[in-house]
Amino acid sequence: MSVLGVVFAVQSGDPRWLVLSLPFTLMLLVAGRYAPSGYRLADDGLHVERRARARVIAYRRIRRVDRDARRLNGLTVMGSTGVFGRFGKFWNPSLGFYSLELTNRDHVVWLTTDDGLVGLSPDRPDEFVARLAERLGP
């Protein structure tokens, strides 16, 4: 869209074409800032790293961690399912409302929290689950 706006502005000589691409460009910038880029187990909780601000899930709010297969398709309530991954709030009939912070749909780790299900996609999911389970305790 941005490129098309520039091309049309140059061809027609009308700079209003540049405005056409602004909403699309803004949407891409915002999505890129809130897309998950990594996961870190810190002292205060699990950090979902992003360019904007990390999302912190306190260990005391995590009830369970598993790798059970669940359907990821559903309605997007507020989030993105685009080029930067799947992140935000979603809903489907089998899970109800759930959150995703995925960069990869193949290796999903599910957290059952006080606020509902949260799906993550660490690079080494089995190792991540083991290390998180250690922090959670019995």
N, C-alpha and C. Protein backbone atom coordinates (compact mmCIF):
# COMPACT_ATOMS: atom_id res chain seq x y z
N MET A 1 0.82 -1.18 0.00
CA MET A 1 0.00 0.00 0.00
C MET A 1 0.87 1.26 0.00
N SER A 2 1.94 1.27 0.81
CA SER A 2 2.81 2.44 0.86
C SER A 2 3.47 2.69 -0.48
N VAL A 3 3.94 1.62 -1.10
CA VAL A 3 4.60 1.74 -2.40
C VAL A 3 3.60 2.23 -3.45
N LEU A 4 2.38 1.68 -3.41
CA LEU A 4 1.36 2.12 -4.37
C LEU A 4 1.03 3.59 -4.20
N GLY A 5 0.95 4.05 -2.96
CA GLY A 5 0.68 5.46 -2.71
C GLY A 5 1.75 6.35 -3.31
N VAL A 6 3.02 5.96 -3.16
CA VAL A 6 4.12 6.73 -3.73
C VAL A 6 4.07 6.69 -5.25
N VAL A 7 3.82 5.51 -5.83
CA VAL A 7 3.76 5.37 -7.29
C VAL A 7 2.64 6.24 -7.87
N PHE A 8 1.45 6.17 -7.27
CA PHE A 8 0.33 6.97 -7.77
C PHE A 8 0.59 8.47 -7.60
N ALA A 9 1.24 8.85 -6.49
CA ALA A 9 1.55 10.27 -6.26
C ALA A 9 2.52 10.78 -7.31
N VAL A 10 3.52 9.96 -7.65
CA VAL A 10 4.50 10.37 -8.65
C VAL A 10 3.85 10.43 -10.03
N GLN A 11 3.06 9.43 -10.38
CA GLN A 11 2.44 9.39 -11.70
C GLN A 11 1.41 10.50 -11.90
N SER A 12 0.62 10.76 -10.89
CA SER A 12 -0.45 11.74 -11.05
C SER A 12 -0.02 13.15 -10.66
N GLY A 13 1.06 13.26 -9.89
CA GLY A 13 1.48 14.56 -9.40
C GLY A 13 0.62 15.05 -8.23
N ASP A 14 -0.25 14.20 -7.72
CA ASP A 14 -1.15 14.55 -6.62
C ASP A 14 -0.63 13.93 -5.31
N PRO A 15 -0.15 14.73 -4.36
CA PRO A 15 0.42 14.19 -3.12
C PRO A 15 -0.62 13.56 -2.19
N ARG A 16 -1.90 13.73 -2.49
CA ARG A 16 -2.93 13.11 -1.64
C ARG A 16 -2.85 11.59 -1.66
N TRP A 17 -2.26 11.02 -2.69
CA TRP A 17 -2.11 9.57 -2.76
C TRP A 17 -1.22 9.05 -1.64
N LEU A 18 -0.32 9.88 -1.15
CA LEU A 18 0.56 9.45 -0.05
C LEU A 18 -0.24 9.19 1.22
N VAL A 19 -1.33 9.90 1.41
CA VAL A 19 -2.18 9.73 2.60
C VAL A 19 -2.86 8.36 2.59
N LEU A 20 -3.10 7.81 1.41
CA LEU A 20 -3.75 6.51 1.28
C LEU A 20 -3.00 5.43 2.06
N SER A 21 -1.70 5.49 2.07
CA SER A 21 -0.91 4.43 2.69
C SER A 21 -0.69 4.64 4.19
N LEU A 22 -1.02 5.81 4.73
CA LEU A 22 -0.74 6.08 6.14
C LEU A 22 -1.42 5.10 7.11
N PRO A 23 -2.71 4.81 7.01
CA PRO A 23 -3.31 3.87 7.97
C PRO A 23 -2.66 2.48 7.91
N PHE A 24 -2.39 2.00 6.71
CA PHE A 24 -1.77 0.69 6.55
C PHE A 24 -0.36 0.69 7.16
N THR A 25 0.42 1.72 6.89
CA THR A 25 1.77 1.81 7.42
C THR A 25 1.75 1.91 8.94
N LEU A 26 0.84 2.69 9.48
CA LEU A 26 0.71 2.81 10.94
C LEU A 26 0.34 1.47 11.57
N MET A 27 -0.57 0.74 10.95
CA MET A 27 -0.98 -0.56 11.45
C MET A 27 0.21 -1.54 11.47
N LEU A 28 1.02 -1.52 10.43
CA LEU A 28 2.20 -2.38 10.39
C LEU A 28 3.21 -2.02 11.47
N LEU A 29 3.42 -0.74 11.68
CA LEU A 29 4.36 -0.30 12.72
C LEU A 29 3.90 -0.73 14.11
N VAL A 30 2.63 -0.57 14.40
CA VAL A 30 2.10 -0.96 15.71
C VAL A 30 2.19 -2.48 15.89
N ALA A 31 1.78 -3.23 14.88
CA ALA A 31 1.84 -4.69 14.97
C ALA A 31 3.28 -5.17 15.15
N GLY A 32 4.21 -4.56 14.47
CA GLY A 32 5.61 -4.94 14.61
C GLY A 32 6.16 -4.67 16.00
N ARG A 33 5.68 -3.64 16.66
CA ARG A 33 6.16 -3.31 18.01
C ARG A 33 5.60 -4.25 19.07
N TYR A 34 4.39 -4.77 18.88
CA TYR A 34 3.78 -5.64 19.88
C TYR A 34 3.92 -7.13 19.58
N ALA A 35 4.57 -7.47 18.49
CA ALA A 35 4.79 -8.88 18.15
C ALA A 35 5.80 -9.50 19.11
N PRO A 36 5.56 -10.74 19.55
CA PRO A 36 6.52 -11.39 20.45
C PRO A 36 7.83 -11.68 19.72
N SER A 37 8.93 -11.46 20.42
CA SER A 37 10.24 -11.75 19.83
C SER A 37 11.02 -12.77 20.65
N GLY A 38 10.54 -13.12 21.83
CA GLY A 38 11.21 -14.11 22.65
C GLY A 38 10.53 -14.26 24.00
N TYR A 39 11.01 -15.23 24.76
CA TYR A 39 10.44 -15.53 26.07
C TYR A 39 11.59 -15.68 27.05
N ARG A 40 11.40 -15.13 28.26
CA ARG A 40 12.48 -15.18 29.25
C ARG A 40 11.87 -15.48 30.61
N LEU A 41 12.50 -16.42 31.32
CA LEU A 41 12.09 -16.75 32.68
C LEU A 41 12.92 -15.88 33.62
N ALA A 42 12.29 -14.90 34.25
CA ALA A 42 12.99 -13.97 35.14
C ALA A 42 12.52 -14.21 36.58
N ASP A 43 13.07 -13.46 37.50
CA ASP A 43 12.70 -13.61 38.91
C ASP A 43 11.24 -13.25 39.18
N ASP A 44 10.73 -12.24 38.49
CA ASP A 44 9.36 -11.78 38.76
C ASP A 44 8.30 -12.47 37.92
N GLY A 45 8.69 -13.29 36.96
CA GLY A 45 7.72 -14.01 36.15
C GLY A 45 8.23 -14.29 34.75
N LEU A 46 7.35 -14.80 33.94
CA LEU A 46 7.67 -15.11 32.56
C LEU A 46 7.50 -13.84 31.73
N HIS A 47 8.55 -13.46 31.02
CA HIS A 47 8.51 -12.25 30.19
C HIS A 47 8.34 -12.65 28.73
N VAL A 48 7.30 -12.09 28.10
CA VAL A 48 7.14 -12.21 26.65
C VAL A 48 7.78 -10.95 26.09
N GLU A 49 8.95 -11.12 25.49
CA GLU A 49 9.72 -9.98 24.98
C GLU A 49 9.09 -9.43 23.71
N ARG A 50 9.01 -8.12 23.65
CA ARG A 50 8.50 -7.40 22.47
C ARG A 50 9.34 -6.14 22.29
N ARG A 51 9.20 -5.51 21.15
CA ARG A 51 9.91 -4.26 20.93
C ARG A 51 9.32 -3.12 21.75
N ALA A 52 8.02 -3.15 21.97
CA ALA A 52 7.35 -2.08 22.71
C ALA A 52 7.59 -2.22 24.20
N ARG A 53 7.04 -3.23 24.80
CA ARG A 53 7.13 -3.44 26.24
C ARG A 53 6.86 -4.91 26.51
N ALA A 54 7.64 -5.49 27.38
CA ALA A 54 7.47 -6.91 27.68
C ALA A 54 6.17 -7.14 28.43
N ARG A 55 5.53 -8.24 28.11
CA ARG A 55 4.36 -8.67 28.88
C ARG A 55 4.88 -9.62 29.95
N VAL A 56 4.53 -9.38 31.20
CA VAL A 56 5.00 -10.20 32.30
C VAL A 56 3.83 -11.00 32.86
N ILE A 57 4.02 -12.31 32.93
CA ILE A 57 3.04 -13.19 33.54
C ILE A 57 3.67 -13.71 34.83
N ALA A 58 3.15 -13.28 35.96
CA ALA A 58 3.71 -13.66 37.25
C ALA A 58 3.56 -15.17 37.46
N TYR A 59 4.57 -15.79 38.05
CA TYR A 59 4.53 -17.24 38.28
C TYR A 59 3.34 -17.63 39.15
N ARG A 60 2.98 -16.81 40.11
CA ARG A 60 1.88 -17.15 41.01
C ARG A 60 0.53 -17.20 40.29
N ARG A 61 0.45 -16.62 39.09
CA ARG A 61 -0.80 -16.63 38.31
C ARG A 61 -0.87 -17.82 37.34
N ILE A 62 0.23 -18.55 37.20
CA ILE A 62 0.28 -19.70 36.29
C ILE A 62 -0.11 -20.95 37.09
N ARG A 63 -1.18 -21.62 36.66
CA ARG A 63 -1.67 -22.82 37.35
C ARG A 63 -1.10 -24.10 36.75
N ARG A 64 -0.86 -24.09 35.45
CA ARG A 64 -0.42 -25.31 34.77
C ARG A 64 0.28 -24.96 33.47
N VAL A 65 1.19 -25.81 33.05
CA VAL A 65 1.86 -25.65 31.76
C VAL A 65 1.81 -27.01 31.06
N ASP A 66 1.48 -27.01 29.75
CA ASP A 66 1.40 -28.27 29.01
C ASP A 66 1.66 -28.02 27.53
N ARG A 67 1.77 -29.13 26.80
CA ARG A 67 1.97 -29.07 25.35
C ARG A 67 0.84 -29.78 24.62
N ASP A 68 -0.32 -29.86 25.24
CA ASP A 68 -1.47 -30.52 24.61
C ASP A 68 -1.84 -29.80 23.31
N ALA A 69 -2.25 -30.58 22.32
CA ALA A 69 -2.66 -29.99 21.04
C ALA A 69 -4.04 -29.35 21.20
N ARG A 70 -4.15 -28.11 20.78
CA ARG A 70 -5.42 -27.39 20.82
C ARG A 70 -5.61 -26.66 19.49
N ARG A 71 -6.85 -26.45 19.12
CA ARG A 71 -7.14 -25.72 17.88
C ARG A 71 -6.77 -24.25 18.04
N LEU A 72 -6.08 -23.71 17.07
CA LEU A 72 -5.69 -22.30 17.09
C LEU A 72 -6.61 -21.42 16.28
N ASN A 73 -7.44 -22.05 15.46
CA ASN A 73 -8.31 -21.22 14.61
C ASN A 73 -9.48 -20.71 15.43
N GLY A 74 -9.90 -19.53 15.12
CA GLY A 74 -11.01 -18.92 15.81
C GLY A 74 -11.14 -17.46 15.41
N LEU A 75 -11.95 -16.74 16.14
CA LEU A 75 -12.16 -15.33 15.86
C LEU A 75 -11.09 -14.48 16.55
N THR A 76 -10.59 -13.51 15.83
CA THR A 76 -9.65 -12.57 16.42
C THR A 76 -10.45 -11.48 17.12
N VAL A 77 -10.29 -11.39 18.43
CA VAL A 77 -10.99 -10.36 19.20
C VAL A 77 -10.21 -9.06 19.10
N MET A 78 -8.92 -9.14 19.40
CA MET A 78 -8.03 -7.99 19.26
C MET A 78 -6.61 -8.52 19.15
N GLY A 79 -6.06 -8.48 17.97
CA GLY A 79 -4.73 -9.02 17.78
C GLY A 79 -4.35 -9.07 16.32
N SER A 80 -3.34 -9.88 16.05
CA SER A 80 -2.81 -9.98 14.70
C SER A 80 -2.53 -11.44 14.37
N THR A 81 -2.83 -11.81 13.15
CA THR A 81 -2.50 -13.15 12.66
C THR A 81 -1.70 -13.03 11.37
N GLY A 82 -0.84 -12.04 11.34
CA GLY A 82 -0.15 -11.72 10.10
C GLY A 82 1.31 -12.09 10.08
N VAL A 83 2.06 -11.27 9.39
CA VAL A 83 3.46 -11.53 9.10
C VAL A 83 4.33 -11.55 10.36
N PHE A 84 3.91 -10.92 11.42
CA PHE A 84 4.72 -10.86 12.64
C PHE A 84 4.39 -11.98 13.62
N GLY A 85 3.47 -12.85 13.29
CA GLY A 85 3.07 -13.94 14.16
C GLY A 85 1.62 -13.83 14.53
N ARG A 86 1.21 -14.65 15.49
CA ARG A 86 -0.16 -14.60 16.02
C ARG A 86 -0.07 -14.12 17.45
N PHE A 87 -0.65 -12.98 17.72
CA PHE A 87 -0.63 -12.47 19.09
C PHE A 87 -1.86 -11.63 19.35
N GLY A 88 -2.29 -11.66 20.61
CA GLY A 88 -3.48 -10.92 21.00
C GLY A 88 -4.51 -11.84 21.63
N LYS A 89 -5.76 -11.37 21.63
CA LYS A 89 -6.89 -12.11 22.21
C LYS A 89 -7.69 -12.76 21.09
N PHE A 90 -8.10 -14.01 21.33
CA PHE A 90 -8.85 -14.78 20.35
C PHE A 90 -9.99 -15.53 21.04
N TRP A 91 -10.90 -16.09 20.25
CA TRP A 91 -12.00 -16.89 20.78
C TRP A 91 -12.33 -17.99 19.80
N ASN A 92 -12.58 -19.18 20.33
CA ASN A 92 -13.18 -20.25 19.52
C ASN A 92 -14.08 -21.08 20.44
N PRO A 93 -14.99 -21.87 19.88
CA PRO A 93 -15.98 -22.58 20.71
C PRO A 93 -15.37 -23.57 21.69
N SER A 94 -14.27 -24.21 21.34
CA SER A 94 -13.71 -25.23 22.23
C SER A 94 -12.87 -24.64 23.37
N LEU A 95 -12.22 -23.50 23.14
CA LEU A 95 -11.35 -22.90 24.17
C LEU A 95 -11.97 -21.70 24.86
N GLY A 96 -12.95 -21.09 24.24
CA GLY A 96 -13.47 -19.83 24.76
C GLY A 96 -12.48 -18.72 24.42
N PHE A 97 -12.32 -17.75 25.31
CA PHE A 97 -11.35 -16.67 25.09
C PHE A 97 -9.97 -17.16 25.51
N TYR A 98 -8.97 -16.83 24.72
CA TYR A 98 -7.58 -17.21 25.02
C TYR A 98 -6.64 -16.19 24.41
N SER A 99 -5.41 -16.17 24.89
CA SER A 99 -4.38 -15.25 24.38
C SER A 99 -3.31 -16.06 23.67
N LEU A 100 -2.75 -15.47 22.64
CA LEU A 100 -1.62 -16.09 21.94
C LEU A 100 -0.47 -15.10 21.87
N GLU A 101 0.72 -15.62 22.00
CA GLU A 101 1.97 -14.86 21.82
C GLU A 101 2.89 -15.75 21.01
N LEU A 102 2.52 -16.03 19.77
CA LEU A 102 3.21 -17.03 18.94
C LEU A 102 4.05 -16.41 17.85
N THR A 103 5.21 -16.99 17.65
CA THR A 103 6.02 -16.71 16.47
C THR A 103 6.03 -17.93 15.56
N ASN A 104 5.61 -19.08 16.10
CA ASN A 104 5.65 -20.34 15.39
C ASN A 104 4.45 -21.17 15.84
N ARG A 105 3.64 -21.64 14.92
CA ARG A 105 2.44 -22.42 15.28
C ARG A 105 2.73 -23.89 15.52
N ASP A 106 3.94 -24.36 15.26
CA ASP A 106 4.25 -25.78 15.34
C ASP A 106 4.57 -26.26 16.76
N HIS A 107 5.13 -25.41 17.60
CA HIS A 107 5.59 -25.82 18.92
C HIS A 107 4.94 -24.96 20.01
N VAL A 108 3.64 -25.16 20.21
CA VAL A 108 2.91 -24.31 21.14
C VAL A 108 2.96 -24.90 22.55
N VAL A 109 3.28 -24.04 23.50
CA VAL A 109 3.24 -24.36 24.92
C VAL A 109 2.07 -23.59 25.50
N TRP A 110 1.20 -24.27 26.25
CA TRP A 110 0.01 -23.64 26.80
C TRP A 110 0.16 -23.42 28.30
N LEU A 111 -0.18 -22.23 28.73
CA LEU A 111 -0.21 -21.91 30.15
C LEU A 111 -1.67 -21.74 30.55
N THR A 112 -2.05 -22.39 31.64
CA THR A 112 -3.36 -22.14 32.24
C THR A 112 -3.12 -21.15 33.35
N THR A 113 -3.65 -19.95 33.20
CA THR A 113 -3.41 -18.88 34.17
C THR A 113 -4.73 -18.47 34.82
N ASP A 114 -4.63 -17.59 35.80
CA ASP A 114 -5.84 -17.05 36.44
C ASP A 114 -6.70 -16.29 35.44
N ASP A 115 -6.09 -15.79 34.37
CA ASP A 115 -6.80 -15.00 33.36
C ASP A 115 -7.21 -15.83 32.14
N GLY A 116 -6.96 -17.12 32.15
CA GLY A 116 -7.32 -17.98 31.02
C GLY A 116 -6.10 -18.59 30.36
N LEU A 117 -6.31 -19.19 29.21
CA LEU A 117 -5.23 -19.86 28.48
C LEU A 117 -4.34 -18.85 27.76
N VAL A 118 -3.04 -19.14 27.76
CA VAL A 118 -2.07 -18.34 27.02
C VAL A 118 -1.19 -19.31 26.24
N GLY A 119 -1.08 -19.10 24.93
CA GLY A 119 -0.23 -19.93 24.09
C GLY A 119 1.06 -19.21 23.76
N LEU A 120 2.20 -19.91 23.93
CA LEU A 120 3.53 -19.38 23.63
C LEU A 120 4.22 -20.33 22.64
N SER A 121 5.27 -19.87 22.01
CA SER A 121 5.99 -20.75 21.07
C SER A 121 7.51 -20.59 21.22
N PRO A 122 8.07 -21.09 22.31
CA PRO A 122 9.52 -21.01 22.47
C PRO A 122 10.25 -21.92 21.48
N ASP A 123 11.52 -21.62 21.21
CA ASP A 123 12.30 -22.40 20.25
C ASP A 123 12.48 -23.85 20.68
N ARG A 124 12.78 -24.07 21.96
CA ARG A 124 12.96 -25.42 22.50
C ARG A 124 11.85 -25.66 23.54
N PRO A 125 10.67 -26.07 23.06
CA PRO A 125 9.50 -26.13 23.95
C PRO A 125 9.64 -27.10 25.12
N ASP A 126 10.22 -28.27 24.89
CA ASP A 126 10.34 -29.24 25.99
C ASP A 126 11.24 -28.70 27.10
N GLU A 127 12.36 -28.11 26.72
CA GLU A 127 13.27 -27.52 27.70
C GLU A 127 12.58 -26.35 28.43
N PHE A 128 11.85 -25.56 27.69
CA PHE A 128 11.12 -24.42 28.28
C PHE A 128 10.11 -24.90 29.31
N VAL A 129 9.33 -25.93 28.98
CA VAL A 129 8.33 -26.47 29.89
C VAL A 129 9.01 -27.00 31.16
N ALA A 130 10.12 -27.72 31.01
CA ALA A 130 10.83 -28.25 32.18
C ALA A 130 11.35 -27.13 33.07
N ARG A 131 11.95 -26.11 32.48
CA ARG A 131 12.49 -25.00 33.28
C ARG A 131 11.36 -24.20 33.96
N LEU A 132 10.25 -24.02 33.26
CA LEU A 132 9.12 -23.31 33.84
C LEU A 132 8.50 -24.13 34.98
N ALA A 133 8.37 -25.43 34.77
CA ALA A 133 7.81 -26.30 35.81
C ALA A 133 8.67 -26.25 37.08
N GLU A 134 9.99 -26.16 36.94
CA GLU A 134 10.88 -26.03 38.10
C GLU A 134 10.56 -24.77 38.88
N ARG A 135 10.34 -23.68 38.17
CA ARG A 135 10.03 -22.40 38.83
C ARG A 135 8.66 -22.40 39.48
N LEU A 136 7.72 -23.13 38.91
CA LEU A 136 6.38 -23.17 39.46
C LEU A 136 6.29 -24.03 40.72
N GLY A 137 7.15 -25.04 40.81
CA GLY A 137 7.12 -25.91 41.98
C GLY A 137 6.02 -26.95 41.87
N PRO A 138 5.74 -27.64 43.00
CA PRO A 138 4.74 -28.73 42.96
C PRO A 138 3.32 -28.20 42.82
